[in-house]
Each structure stands twice: as structure tokens, then as C-alpha cells.
């Protein structure tokens, strides 16, 4: 009987771990809302990000091949608005960057899931880099421990189920921007 209860509690713990990670992964995944409007590629702050920030910081980036212009509209603290326009001629390259922001990445024997942060921006001829948008979510599972991967099978399963699509979406957005502007994609 004791063995059955112990096995049941272990199975419930594994299942709970998987469910919590999947829900947490989906909840914390952030990316801009992407759309095409009148021939323009538009990336705007998602509803989830606006809700988490209480609407204190909102952005809308429009890439218009017809006007040969990138327009960035920003609103800060509900009422401070700004608009920045950059012609395609001023853009030297599209910058695509990845960073793992997990706090466990520097631990010597860590077993963790990456927290991916992909940034898409444009590098201007004057050297300035303008961030267009960011994509955030759970990434790959990492084992820096001396124990083999199979020991952590439940963590691997939970990591794979909770993994976001930020890598593919950010890459597709960066490639679309580079093609629309007619410049190279630089990975940094």
C-alpha cells in the first residue's frame, strides 16, 4: 500500500511539474502582434504585454515598402507620445540578436530551461541601432550537470511542451523586414 501511495504521489508530482511549466511558459511568452495592413508590415504591442505593463509602454512599428519608410510610434506613461521615421536609405542592415536571460545559465552544474530573448532591430549607416521589437519565451532545455540527460526525462518533457515559438517567429519577422528594406540580415 505504501509503495502504491509513494508511486502515485511521484506521478502526481511529475504531472504537476509538467502542467505548471506548460502554463507558465505560455503565460510568460511575449511577442508583438504582427499583421499586414495596406501593404505595410505592422508589429504592435501584444494585448498580454500591454496588460502586464498596465498600458504604460506601448509601441507600433510599421514598415512601409511603398513609402520606403520605417515608422515607430511609442506611447509612454499613457500620454507621452513620440513618432520616429527612418527612411530605408538610412538603414544599413537588419540586426537579429539572441540572448539567454535565464538566471541559472552561469551556475556550474545547472539543469534549466533557457529564457530566450530575440531582438530585431535595424542598424543605420551612422552606426546607431534601433530596436524594432523583442520576442520572449521559454527555450531549449540545458543540462550542465554531471548526471546524464535521461535522469531528467520529466524536466525534458516539460521543457519541450512549454517551449515557445519565439525563435521561428522572430526569425521570420527579421527576414521579412530585411527583404522589404532590401538589406542584409546581420546576426549578432
N, C-alpha and C. Protein backbone atom coordinates (compact mmCIF):
# COMPACT_ATOMS: atom_id res chain seq x y z
N UNK A 1 0.82 -1.20 0.00
CA UNK A 1 0.00 0.00 0.00
C UNK A 1 0.87 1.27 0.00
N UNK A 2 1.89 1.23 0.86
CA UNK A 2 2.78 2.38 0.96
C UNK A 2 3.48 2.64 -0.37
N UNK A 3 3.86 1.58 -1.04
CA UNK A 3 4.52 1.68 -2.33
C UNK A 3 3.59 2.31 -3.37
N UNK A 4 2.33 1.93 -3.36
CA UNK A 4 1.33 2.48 -4.28
C UNK A 4 1.14 3.97 -4.05
N UNK A 5 1.04 4.38 -2.80
CA UNK A 5 0.85 5.80 -2.45
C UNK A 5 2.09 6.59 -2.86
N UNK A 6 3.27 6.05 -2.60
CA UNK A 6 4.50 6.72 -2.97
C UNK A 6 4.60 6.89 -4.49
N UNK A 7 4.27 5.84 -5.24
CA UNK A 7 4.29 5.91 -6.69
C UNK A 7 3.26 6.89 -7.23
N UNK A 8 2.09 6.92 -6.62
CA UNK A 8 1.03 7.85 -7.04
C UNK A 8 1.44 9.29 -6.79
N UNK A 9 2.03 9.55 -5.62
CA UNK A 9 2.48 10.90 -5.31
C UNK A 9 3.58 11.35 -6.26
N UNK A 10 4.48 10.43 -6.62
CA UNK A 10 5.54 10.75 -7.56
C UNK A 10 4.96 11.08 -8.94
N UNK A 11 4.00 10.29 -9.40
CA UNK A 11 3.36 10.54 -10.69
C UNK A 11 2.60 11.86 -10.67
N UNK A 12 1.93 12.15 -9.58
CA UNK A 12 1.20 13.42 -9.46
C UNK A 12 2.18 14.59 -9.47
N UNK A 13 3.32 14.43 -8.80
CA UNK A 13 4.35 15.47 -8.78
C UNK A 13 4.91 15.74 -10.17
N UNK A 14 5.16 14.67 -10.92
CA UNK A 14 5.67 14.82 -12.29
C UNK A 14 4.64 15.51 -13.16
N UNK A 15 3.39 15.07 -13.06
CA UNK A 15 2.31 15.68 -13.84
C UNK A 15 2.12 17.15 -13.48
N UNK A 16 2.17 17.45 -12.20
CA UNK A 16 2.03 18.85 -11.75
C UNK A 16 3.19 19.70 -12.28
N UNK A 17 4.41 19.17 -12.26
CA UNK A 17 5.57 19.87 -12.79
C UNK A 17 5.37 20.22 -14.27
N UNK A 18 4.89 19.24 -15.03
CA UNK A 18 4.67 19.46 -16.46
C UNK A 18 3.58 20.51 -16.68
N UNK A 19 2.46 20.39 -15.98
CA UNK A 19 1.36 21.33 -16.16
C UNK A 19 1.78 22.75 -15.78
N UNK A 20 2.46 22.90 -14.66
CA UNK A 20 2.89 24.24 -14.22
C UNK A 20 3.85 24.85 -15.23
N UNK A 21 4.80 24.07 -15.73
CA UNK A 21 5.76 24.62 -16.69
C UNK A 21 5.10 24.99 -18.00
N UNK A 22 4.17 24.18 -18.47
CA UNK A 22 3.49 24.49 -19.73
C UNK A 22 2.65 25.76 -19.57
N UNK A 23 1.89 25.86 -18.49
CA UNK A 23 1.07 27.05 -18.26
C UNK A 23 1.95 28.28 -18.07
N UNK A 24 3.02 28.16 -17.27
CA UNK A 24 3.94 29.27 -17.05
C UNK A 24 4.60 29.69 -18.36
N UNK A 25 5.02 28.70 -19.14
CA UNK A 25 5.66 29.01 -20.42
C UNK A 25 4.75 29.76 -21.36
N UNK A 26 3.50 29.34 -21.45
CA UNK A 26 2.54 30.01 -22.34
C UNK A 26 2.18 31.39 -21.80
N UNK A 27 2.07 31.51 -20.49
CA UNK A 27 1.71 32.80 -19.90
C UNK A 27 2.82 33.83 -20.06
N UNK A 28 4.07 33.40 -19.89
CA UNK A 28 5.19 34.34 -19.94
C UNK A 28 5.73 34.59 -21.35
N UNK A 29 5.26 33.86 -22.31
CA UNK A 29 5.71 34.06 -23.69
C UNK A 29 5.18 35.39 -24.21
N UNK A 30 6.06 36.24 -24.68
CA UNK A 30 5.67 37.57 -25.17
C UNK A 30 6.22 37.78 -26.57
N UNK A 31 5.39 38.29 -27.42
CA UNK A 31 5.81 38.65 -28.77
C UNK A 31 4.87 39.73 -29.26
N UNK A 32 5.32 40.53 -30.23
CA UNK A 32 4.42 41.56 -30.75
C UNK A 32 3.32 40.94 -31.60
N UNK A 33 2.25 41.68 -31.73
CA UNK A 33 1.15 41.28 -32.61
C UNK A 33 1.55 41.71 -34.02
N UNK A 34 1.68 40.76 -34.93
CA UNK A 34 2.14 41.03 -36.29
C UNK A 34 0.96 40.99 -37.25
N UNK A 35 0.95 41.93 -38.19
CA UNK A 35 -0.11 41.95 -39.20
C UNK A 35 0.39 42.69 -40.44
N UNK A 36 -0.36 42.51 -41.52
CA UNK A 36 -0.09 43.25 -42.75
C UNK A 36 -1.32 44.12 -43.01
N UNK A 37 -1.12 45.41 -43.07
CA UNK A 37 -2.22 46.37 -43.29
C UNK A 37 -1.86 47.29 -44.44
N UNK A 38 -2.63 47.25 -45.48
CA UNK A 38 -2.45 48.11 -46.65
C UNK A 38 -1.02 48.02 -47.20
N UNK A 39 -0.48 46.81 -47.23
CA UNK A 39 0.86 46.61 -47.76
C UNK A 39 1.99 46.89 -46.79
N UNK A 40 1.66 47.31 -45.58
CA UNK A 40 2.68 47.59 -44.55
C UNK A 40 2.77 46.42 -43.58
N UNK A 41 3.98 46.11 -43.14
CA UNK A 41 4.17 45.11 -42.10
C UNK A 41 4.14 45.84 -40.76
N UNK A 42 3.16 45.48 -39.92
CA UNK A 42 2.95 46.20 -38.66
C UNK A 42 3.18 45.26 -37.49
N UNK A 43 4.00 45.69 -36.54
CA UNK A 43 4.25 44.97 -35.29
C UNK A 43 3.85 45.91 -34.16
N UNK A 44 2.89 45.47 -33.35
CA UNK A 44 2.44 46.32 -32.25
C UNK A 44 2.48 45.53 -30.94
N UNK A 45 2.47 46.24 -29.84
CA UNK A 45 2.50 45.62 -28.53
C UNK A 45 1.32 44.67 -28.38
N UNK A 46 1.59 43.47 -27.93
CA UNK A 46 0.52 42.49 -27.76
C UNK A 46 -0.38 42.88 -26.59
N UNK A 47 -1.57 42.31 -26.59
CA UNK A 47 -2.52 42.57 -25.51
C UNK A 47 -1.95 42.13 -24.17
N UNK A 48 -1.29 40.97 -24.15
CA UNK A 48 -0.73 40.44 -22.91
C UNK A 48 0.36 41.37 -22.36
N UNK A 49 1.23 41.86 -23.22
CA UNK A 49 2.29 42.78 -22.78
C UNK A 49 1.70 44.11 -22.32
N UNK A 50 0.68 44.59 -23.00
CA UNK A 50 0.02 45.83 -22.59
C UNK A 50 -0.65 45.65 -21.23
N UNK A 51 -1.24 44.49 -21.03
CA UNK A 51 -1.89 44.21 -19.75
C UNK A 51 -0.88 44.14 -18.62
N UNK A 52 0.24 43.41 -18.83
CA UNK A 52 1.27 43.31 -17.80
C UNK A 52 1.90 44.65 -17.47
N UNK A 53 2.04 45.52 -18.45
CA UNK A 53 2.66 46.83 -18.21
C UNK A 53 1.62 47.89 -17.83
N UNK A 54 0.36 47.48 -17.72
CA UNK A 54 -0.74 48.40 -17.41
C UNK A 54 -0.86 49.51 -18.44
N UNK A 55 -0.43 49.25 -19.65
CA UNK A 55 -0.51 50.24 -20.72
C UNK A 55 0.48 51.37 -20.59
N UNK A 56 1.47 51.20 -19.74
CA UNK A 56 2.45 52.27 -19.53
C UNK A 56 3.43 52.42 -20.68
N UNK A 57 3.62 51.36 -21.46
CA UNK A 57 4.56 51.45 -22.58
C UNK A 57 4.00 50.65 -23.76
N UNK A 58 3.64 51.35 -24.80
CA UNK A 58 3.08 50.73 -26.00
C UNK A 58 3.86 51.19 -27.22
N UNK A 59 4.02 50.28 -28.21
CA UNK A 59 4.75 50.60 -29.44
C UNK A 59 4.03 50.02 -30.64
N UNK A 60 4.21 50.70 -31.76
CA UNK A 60 3.73 50.19 -33.04
C UNK A 60 4.78 50.53 -34.08
N UNK A 61 5.29 49.47 -34.75
CA UNK A 61 6.33 49.63 -35.77
C UNK A 61 5.72 49.26 -37.11
N UNK A 62 5.77 50.22 -38.06
CA UNK A 62 5.24 49.98 -39.40
C UNK A 62 6.38 50.07 -40.40
N UNK A 63 6.50 49.03 -41.23
CA UNK A 63 7.49 49.02 -42.30
C UNK A 63 6.70 49.11 -43.60
N UNK A 64 6.86 50.23 -44.29
CA UNK A 64 6.06 50.51 -45.48
C UNK A 64 6.96 50.53 -46.72
N UNK A 65 6.95 49.44 -47.52
CA UNK A 65 7.79 49.41 -48.73
C UNK A 65 7.36 50.44 -49.78
N UNK A 66 6.09 50.80 -49.80
CA UNK A 66 5.61 51.77 -50.78
C UNK A 66 6.18 53.16 -50.50
N UNK A 67 6.19 53.57 -49.24
CA UNK A 67 6.74 54.87 -48.86
C UNK A 67 8.24 54.81 -48.55
N UNK A 68 8.81 53.57 -48.53
CA UNK A 68 10.23 53.37 -48.21
C UNK A 68 10.56 53.98 -46.83
N UNK A 69 9.73 53.62 -45.83
CA UNK A 69 9.84 54.26 -44.52
C UNK A 69 9.55 53.26 -43.40
N UNK A 70 10.30 53.39 -42.30
CA UNK A 70 10.00 52.69 -41.05
C UNK A 70 9.47 53.74 -40.09
N UNK A 71 8.29 53.49 -39.55
CA UNK A 71 7.66 54.43 -38.63
C UNK A 71 7.47 53.74 -37.28
N UNK A 72 8.00 54.35 -36.23
CA UNK A 72 7.90 53.80 -34.88
C UNK A 72 7.10 54.78 -34.02
N UNK A 73 5.93 54.33 -33.60
CA UNK A 73 5.08 55.13 -32.72
C UNK A 73 5.19 54.55 -31.32
N UNK A 74 5.49 55.39 -30.34
CA UNK A 74 5.63 54.93 -28.95
C UNK A 74 4.78 55.78 -28.04
N UNK A 75 4.21 55.13 -27.03
CA UNK A 75 3.45 55.85 -26.02
C UNK A 75 3.96 55.41 -24.66
N UNK A 76 4.32 56.37 -23.84
CA UNK A 76 4.88 56.11 -22.53
C UNK A 76 4.04 56.81 -21.48
N UNK A 77 3.79 56.14 -20.40
CA UNK A 77 3.01 56.70 -19.28
C UNK A 77 1.64 57.22 -19.72
N UNK A 78 0.98 56.52 -20.60
CA UNK A 78 -0.37 56.76 -21.09
C UNK A 78 -0.54 58.01 -21.94
N UNK A 79 0.31 59.01 -21.81
CA UNK A 79 0.05 60.26 -22.54
C UNK A 79 1.25 60.86 -23.25
N UNK A 80 2.46 60.37 -23.03
CA UNK A 80 3.64 60.89 -23.71
C UNK A 80 3.83 60.08 -24.99
N UNK A 81 3.60 60.71 -26.12
CA UNK A 81 3.70 60.03 -27.41
C UNK A 81 4.88 60.55 -28.21
N UNK A 82 5.45 59.66 -29.01
CA UNK A 82 6.51 60.07 -29.92
C UNK A 82 6.41 59.24 -31.19
N UNK A 83 6.87 59.84 -32.28
CA UNK A 83 6.89 59.16 -33.58
C UNK A 83 8.28 59.36 -34.16
N UNK A 84 8.85 58.26 -34.63
CA UNK A 84 10.18 58.32 -35.26
C UNK A 84 10.05 57.69 -36.65
N UNK A 85 10.59 58.39 -37.63
CA UNK A 85 10.57 57.91 -39.01
C UNK A 85 12.00 57.75 -39.50
N UNK A 86 12.25 56.60 -40.11
CA UNK A 86 13.56 56.34 -40.69
C UNK A 86 13.36 55.85 -42.12
N UNK A 87 13.94 56.56 -43.09
CA UNK A 87 13.82 56.10 -44.47
C UNK A 87 14.67 54.84 -44.69
N UNK A 88 14.27 54.03 -45.65
CA UNK A 88 15.01 52.82 -45.97
C UNK A 88 16.45 53.12 -46.36
N UNK A 89 16.69 54.29 -46.97
CA UNK A 89 18.05 54.68 -47.40
C UNK A 89 19.02 54.78 -46.22
N UNK A 90 18.50 55.09 -45.02
CA UNK A 90 19.36 55.25 -43.84
C UNK A 90 19.71 53.91 -43.20
N UNK A 91 19.05 52.83 -43.61
CA UNK A 91 19.26 51.52 -42.98
C UNK A 91 20.38 50.76 -43.69
N UNK A 92 21.36 50.32 -42.91
CA UNK A 92 22.49 49.56 -43.46
C UNK A 92 22.23 48.05 -43.39
N UNK A 93 21.56 47.61 -42.31
CA UNK A 93 21.31 46.18 -42.12
C UNK A 93 20.17 45.98 -41.11
N UNK A 94 19.62 44.80 -41.12
CA UNK A 94 18.66 44.39 -40.09
C UNK A 94 19.44 43.56 -39.08
N UNK A 95 19.32 43.90 -37.82
CA UNK A 95 20.07 43.25 -36.75
C UNK A 95 19.16 42.24 -36.06
N UNK A 96 19.64 41.00 -35.95
CA UNK A 96 18.89 39.92 -35.31
C UNK A 96 19.77 39.35 -34.22
N UNK A 97 19.29 39.39 -32.98
CA UNK A 97 20.13 39.05 -31.84
C UNK A 97 19.39 38.13 -30.89
N UNK A 98 20.12 37.16 -30.30
CA UNK A 98 19.56 36.24 -29.30
C UNK A 98 20.34 36.35 -28.01
N UNK A 99 19.62 36.24 -26.88
CA UNK A 99 20.26 36.26 -25.58
C UNK A 99 19.48 35.33 -24.65
N UNK A 100 20.20 34.54 -23.87
CA UNK A 100 19.56 33.71 -22.84
C UNK A 100 19.57 34.54 -21.56
N UNK A 101 18.40 34.85 -21.03
CA UNK A 101 18.31 35.69 -19.84
C UNK A 101 17.98 34.88 -18.59
N UNK A 102 18.18 33.57 -18.66
CA UNK A 102 17.92 32.71 -17.51
C UNK A 102 18.91 33.02 -16.39
N UNK A 103 18.44 33.14 -15.16
CA UNK A 103 19.36 33.41 -14.05
C UNK A 103 20.25 32.21 -13.70
N UNK A 104 19.91 31.03 -14.22
CA UNK A 104 20.66 29.82 -13.89
C UNK A 104 21.77 29.50 -14.89
N UNK A 105 21.91 30.28 -15.94
CA UNK A 105 22.86 29.95 -17.00
C UNK A 105 24.31 29.95 -16.57
N UNK A 106 24.67 30.67 -15.54
CA UNK A 106 26.07 30.74 -15.11
C UNK A 106 26.39 29.83 -13.93
N UNK A 107 25.42 29.04 -13.48
CA UNK A 107 25.68 28.10 -12.40
C UNK A 107 26.51 26.95 -12.95
N UNK A 108 27.48 26.47 -12.20
CA UNK A 108 28.39 25.46 -12.74
C UNK A 108 27.74 24.11 -13.09
N UNK A 109 26.79 23.63 -12.31
CA UNK A 109 26.16 22.34 -12.61
C UNK A 109 24.64 22.51 -12.68
N UNK A 110 24.22 23.41 -13.52
CA UNK A 110 22.81 23.75 -13.61
C UNK A 110 22.06 22.84 -14.59
N UNK A 111 20.80 22.61 -14.28
CA UNK A 111 19.85 21.97 -15.18
C UNK A 111 18.69 22.94 -15.25
N UNK A 112 18.48 23.54 -16.41
CA UNK A 112 17.48 24.60 -16.52
C UNK A 112 16.94 24.69 -17.93
N UNK A 113 15.92 25.53 -18.09
CA UNK A 113 15.37 25.82 -19.40
C UNK A 113 15.73 27.25 -19.75
N UNK A 114 16.23 27.45 -20.98
CA UNK A 114 16.63 28.78 -21.41
C UNK A 114 15.42 29.71 -21.44
N UNK A 115 15.67 30.97 -21.15
CA UNK A 115 14.69 32.03 -21.34
C UNK A 115 15.19 32.85 -22.52
N UNK A 116 14.62 32.60 -23.69
CA UNK A 116 15.08 33.23 -24.92
C UNK A 116 14.57 34.65 -25.04
N UNK A 117 15.45 35.55 -25.43
CA UNK A 117 15.08 36.92 -25.77
C UNK A 117 15.68 37.23 -27.13
N UNK A 118 14.83 37.31 -28.14
CA UNK A 118 15.24 37.65 -29.50
C UNK A 118 14.90 39.10 -29.76
N UNK A 119 15.86 39.84 -30.28
CA UNK A 119 15.66 41.25 -30.57
C UNK A 119 15.87 41.47 -32.07
N UNK A 120 14.92 42.17 -32.68
CA UNK A 120 15.02 42.53 -34.09
C UNK A 120 15.12 44.04 -34.15
N UNK A 121 16.12 44.53 -34.86
CA UNK A 121 16.32 45.96 -34.99
C UNK A 121 16.93 46.30 -36.33
N UNK A 122 17.21 47.56 -36.52
CA UNK A 122 17.86 48.00 -37.75
C UNK A 122 19.11 48.79 -37.38
N UNK A 123 20.19 48.53 -38.11
CA UNK A 123 21.42 49.28 -37.94
C UNK A 123 21.49 50.35 -39.02
N UNK A 124 21.66 51.58 -38.60
CA UNK A 124 21.70 52.69 -39.55
C UNK A 124 23.13 52.91 -40.04
N UNK A 125 23.26 53.65 -41.12
CA UNK A 125 24.58 53.95 -41.68
C UNK A 125 25.43 54.77 -40.72
N UNK A 126 24.81 55.54 -39.82
CA UNK A 126 25.57 56.35 -38.86
C UNK A 126 26.03 55.54 -37.64
N UNK A 127 25.73 54.22 -37.61
CA UNK A 127 26.18 53.37 -36.52
C UNK A 127 25.13 53.13 -35.45
N UNK A 128 24.06 53.88 -35.45
CA UNK A 128 23.00 53.72 -34.46
C UNK A 128 22.21 52.45 -34.76
N UNK A 129 21.82 51.75 -33.69
CA UNK A 129 20.97 50.56 -33.82
C UNK A 129 19.64 50.87 -33.15
N UNK A 130 18.56 50.71 -33.90
CA UNK A 130 17.22 50.97 -33.39
C UNK A 130 16.51 49.64 -33.20
N UNK A 131 16.04 49.40 -31.99
CA UNK A 131 15.30 48.18 -31.70
C UNK A 131 13.87 48.34 -32.22
N UNK A 132 13.45 47.37 -33.02
CA UNK A 132 12.08 47.38 -33.52
C UNK A 132 11.16 46.63 -32.57
N UNK A 133 11.50 45.39 -32.24
CA UNK A 133 10.69 44.63 -31.28
C UNK A 133 11.47 43.46 -30.70
N UNK A 134 10.89 42.89 -29.63
CA UNK A 134 11.51 41.77 -28.93
C UNK A 134 10.52 40.61 -28.83
N UNK A 135 11.06 39.40 -28.84
CA UNK A 135 10.28 38.18 -28.69
C UNK A 135 10.86 37.43 -27.50
N UNK A 136 10.02 37.01 -26.55
CA UNK A 136 10.49 36.37 -25.32
C UNK A 136 9.69 35.10 -25.04
N UNK A 137 10.37 34.08 -24.54
CA UNK A 137 9.69 32.85 -24.15
C UNK A 137 10.66 31.78 -23.71
N UNK A 138 10.10 30.64 -23.29
CA UNK A 138 10.91 29.51 -22.86
C UNK A 138 11.58 28.86 -24.06
N UNK A 139 12.84 28.52 -23.90
CA UNK A 139 13.61 27.93 -24.99
C UNK A 139 14.00 26.50 -24.73
N UNK A 140 15.20 26.13 -25.13
CA UNK A 140 15.70 24.76 -25.02
C UNK A 140 16.03 24.38 -23.58
N UNK A 141 16.03 23.10 -23.34
CA UNK A 141 16.42 22.55 -22.05
C UNK A 141 17.93 22.36 -22.05
N UNK A 142 18.59 22.73 -20.95
CA UNK A 142 20.05 22.67 -20.86
C UNK A 142 20.45 21.82 -19.65
N UNK A 143 21.40 20.90 -19.87
CA UNK A 143 21.92 20.08 -18.79
C UNK A 143 23.42 20.32 -18.67
N UNK A 144 23.84 21.06 -17.66
CA UNK A 144 25.26 21.31 -17.38
C UNK A 144 25.73 20.46 -16.21
N UNK A 145 24.88 19.56 -15.78
CA UNK A 145 25.15 18.71 -14.62
C UNK A 145 25.94 17.48 -15.07
N UNK A 146 26.60 16.81 -14.15
CA UNK A 146 27.35 15.60 -14.48
C UNK A 146 26.43 14.40 -14.69
N UNK A 147 25.19 14.49 -14.26
CA UNK A 147 24.22 13.40 -14.45
C UNK A 147 23.78 13.38 -15.92
N UNK A 148 23.51 12.18 -16.46
CA UNK A 148 23.09 12.11 -17.87
C UNK A 148 21.68 12.68 -18.08
N UNK A 149 21.38 13.02 -19.32
CA UNK A 149 20.10 13.62 -19.66
C UNK A 149 18.90 12.76 -19.28
N UNK A 150 19.00 11.45 -19.43
CA UNK A 150 17.85 10.59 -19.20
C UNK A 150 17.36 10.64 -17.76
N UNK A 151 18.21 11.05 -16.82
CA UNK A 151 17.80 11.17 -15.42
C UNK A 151 16.73 12.25 -15.27
N UNK A 152 16.78 13.23 -16.13
CA UNK A 152 15.86 14.37 -16.06
C UNK A 152 14.79 14.29 -17.15
N UNK A 153 14.30 13.10 -17.44
CA UNK A 153 13.35 12.91 -18.54
C UNK A 153 12.09 13.75 -18.35
N UNK A 154 11.63 13.88 -17.09
CA UNK A 154 10.40 14.66 -16.86
C UNK A 154 10.65 16.15 -17.08
N UNK A 155 11.83 16.64 -16.72
CA UNK A 155 12.17 18.04 -16.98
C UNK A 155 12.27 18.30 -18.49
N UNK A 156 12.87 17.33 -19.21
CA UNK A 156 12.98 17.47 -20.66
C UNK A 156 11.61 17.51 -21.32
N UNK A 157 10.71 16.64 -20.87
CA UNK A 157 9.36 16.60 -21.43
C UNK A 157 8.63 17.91 -21.15
N UNK A 158 8.70 18.38 -19.91
CA UNK A 158 8.04 19.63 -19.55
C UNK A 158 8.62 20.80 -20.33
N UNK A 159 9.94 20.80 -20.52
CA UNK A 159 10.59 21.88 -21.27
C UNK A 159 10.14 21.88 -22.72
N UNK A 160 10.05 20.70 -23.31
CA UNK A 160 9.63 20.62 -24.72
C UNK A 160 8.17 21.04 -24.89
N UNK A 161 7.32 20.66 -23.95
CA UNK A 161 5.90 21.03 -24.04
C UNK A 161 5.68 22.52 -23.78
N UNK A 162 6.52 23.12 -22.94
CA UNK A 162 6.35 24.54 -22.61
C UNK A 162 7.11 25.48 -23.51
N UNK A 163 7.91 24.92 -24.40
CA UNK A 163 8.76 25.73 -25.29
C UNK A 163 7.91 26.59 -26.22
N UNK A 164 8.33 27.82 -26.40
CA UNK A 164 7.60 28.75 -27.25
C UNK A 164 8.09 28.75 -28.69
N UNK A 165 7.41 29.52 -29.51
CA UNK A 165 7.76 29.61 -30.94
C UNK A 165 8.47 30.92 -31.26
N UNK A 166 9.05 31.56 -30.24
CA UNK A 166 9.67 32.87 -30.44
C UNK A 166 10.85 32.84 -31.40
N UNK A 167 11.58 31.73 -31.45
CA UNK A 167 12.73 31.66 -32.36
C UNK A 167 12.28 31.73 -33.82
N UNK A 168 11.31 30.91 -34.18
CA UNK A 168 10.83 30.88 -35.56
C UNK A 168 10.13 32.19 -35.94
N UNK A 169 9.31 32.71 -35.04
CA UNK A 169 8.57 33.94 -35.34
C UNK A 169 9.49 35.15 -35.48
N UNK A 170 10.48 35.25 -34.58
CA UNK A 170 11.40 36.39 -34.66
C UNK A 170 12.26 36.32 -35.91
N UNK A 171 12.69 35.12 -36.26
CA UNK A 171 13.50 34.94 -37.47
C UNK A 171 12.69 35.30 -38.72
N UNK A 172 11.45 34.83 -38.78
CA UNK A 172 10.60 35.15 -39.93
C UNK A 172 10.36 36.66 -40.03
N UNK A 173 10.14 37.32 -38.90
CA UNK A 173 9.94 38.77 -38.90
C UNK A 173 11.21 39.49 -39.39
N UNK A 174 12.37 39.07 -38.88
CA UNK A 174 13.63 39.71 -39.28
C UNK A 174 13.89 39.53 -40.77
N UNK A 175 13.63 38.34 -41.30
CA UNK A 175 13.83 38.08 -42.73
C UNK A 175 12.86 38.92 -43.55
N UNK A 176 11.60 39.02 -43.11
CA UNK A 176 10.62 39.83 -43.84
C UNK A 176 11.02 41.30 -43.86
N UNK A 177 11.52 41.82 -42.76
CA UNK A 177 11.98 43.22 -42.69
C UNK A 177 13.17 43.42 -43.63
N UNK A 178 14.13 42.51 -43.59
CA UNK A 178 15.32 42.63 -44.44
C UNK A 178 14.94 42.61 -45.92
N UNK A 179 14.02 41.74 -46.30
CA UNK A 179 13.59 41.68 -47.69
C UNK A 179 12.82 42.93 -48.10
N UNK A 180 11.97 43.43 -47.20
CA UNK A 180 11.19 44.64 -47.53
C UNK A 180 12.11 45.84 -47.73
N UNK A 181 13.14 45.95 -46.90
CA UNK A 181 14.05 47.09 -46.98
C UNK A 181 15.08 46.87 -48.10
N UNK A 182 15.45 45.61 -48.33
CA UNK A 182 16.46 45.31 -49.35
C UNK A 182 17.87 45.36 -48.81
N UNK A 183 18.05 44.95 -47.54
CA UNK A 183 19.38 44.93 -46.93
C UNK A 183 19.66 43.54 -46.38
N UNK A 184 20.88 43.34 -45.92
CA UNK A 184 21.28 42.06 -45.34
C UNK A 184 20.79 41.91 -43.93
N UNK A 185 20.66 40.65 -43.51
CA UNK A 185 20.31 40.31 -42.15
C UNK A 185 21.60 39.98 -41.41
N UNK A 186 21.91 40.74 -40.36
CA UNK A 186 23.14 40.53 -39.59
C UNK A 186 22.79 39.90 -38.26
N UNK A 187 23.38 38.75 -38.00
CA UNK A 187 23.14 38.07 -36.72
C UNK A 187 24.22 38.48 -35.75
N UNK A 188 23.83 38.97 -34.61
CA UNK A 188 24.81 39.47 -33.63
C UNK A 188 24.71 38.75 -32.33
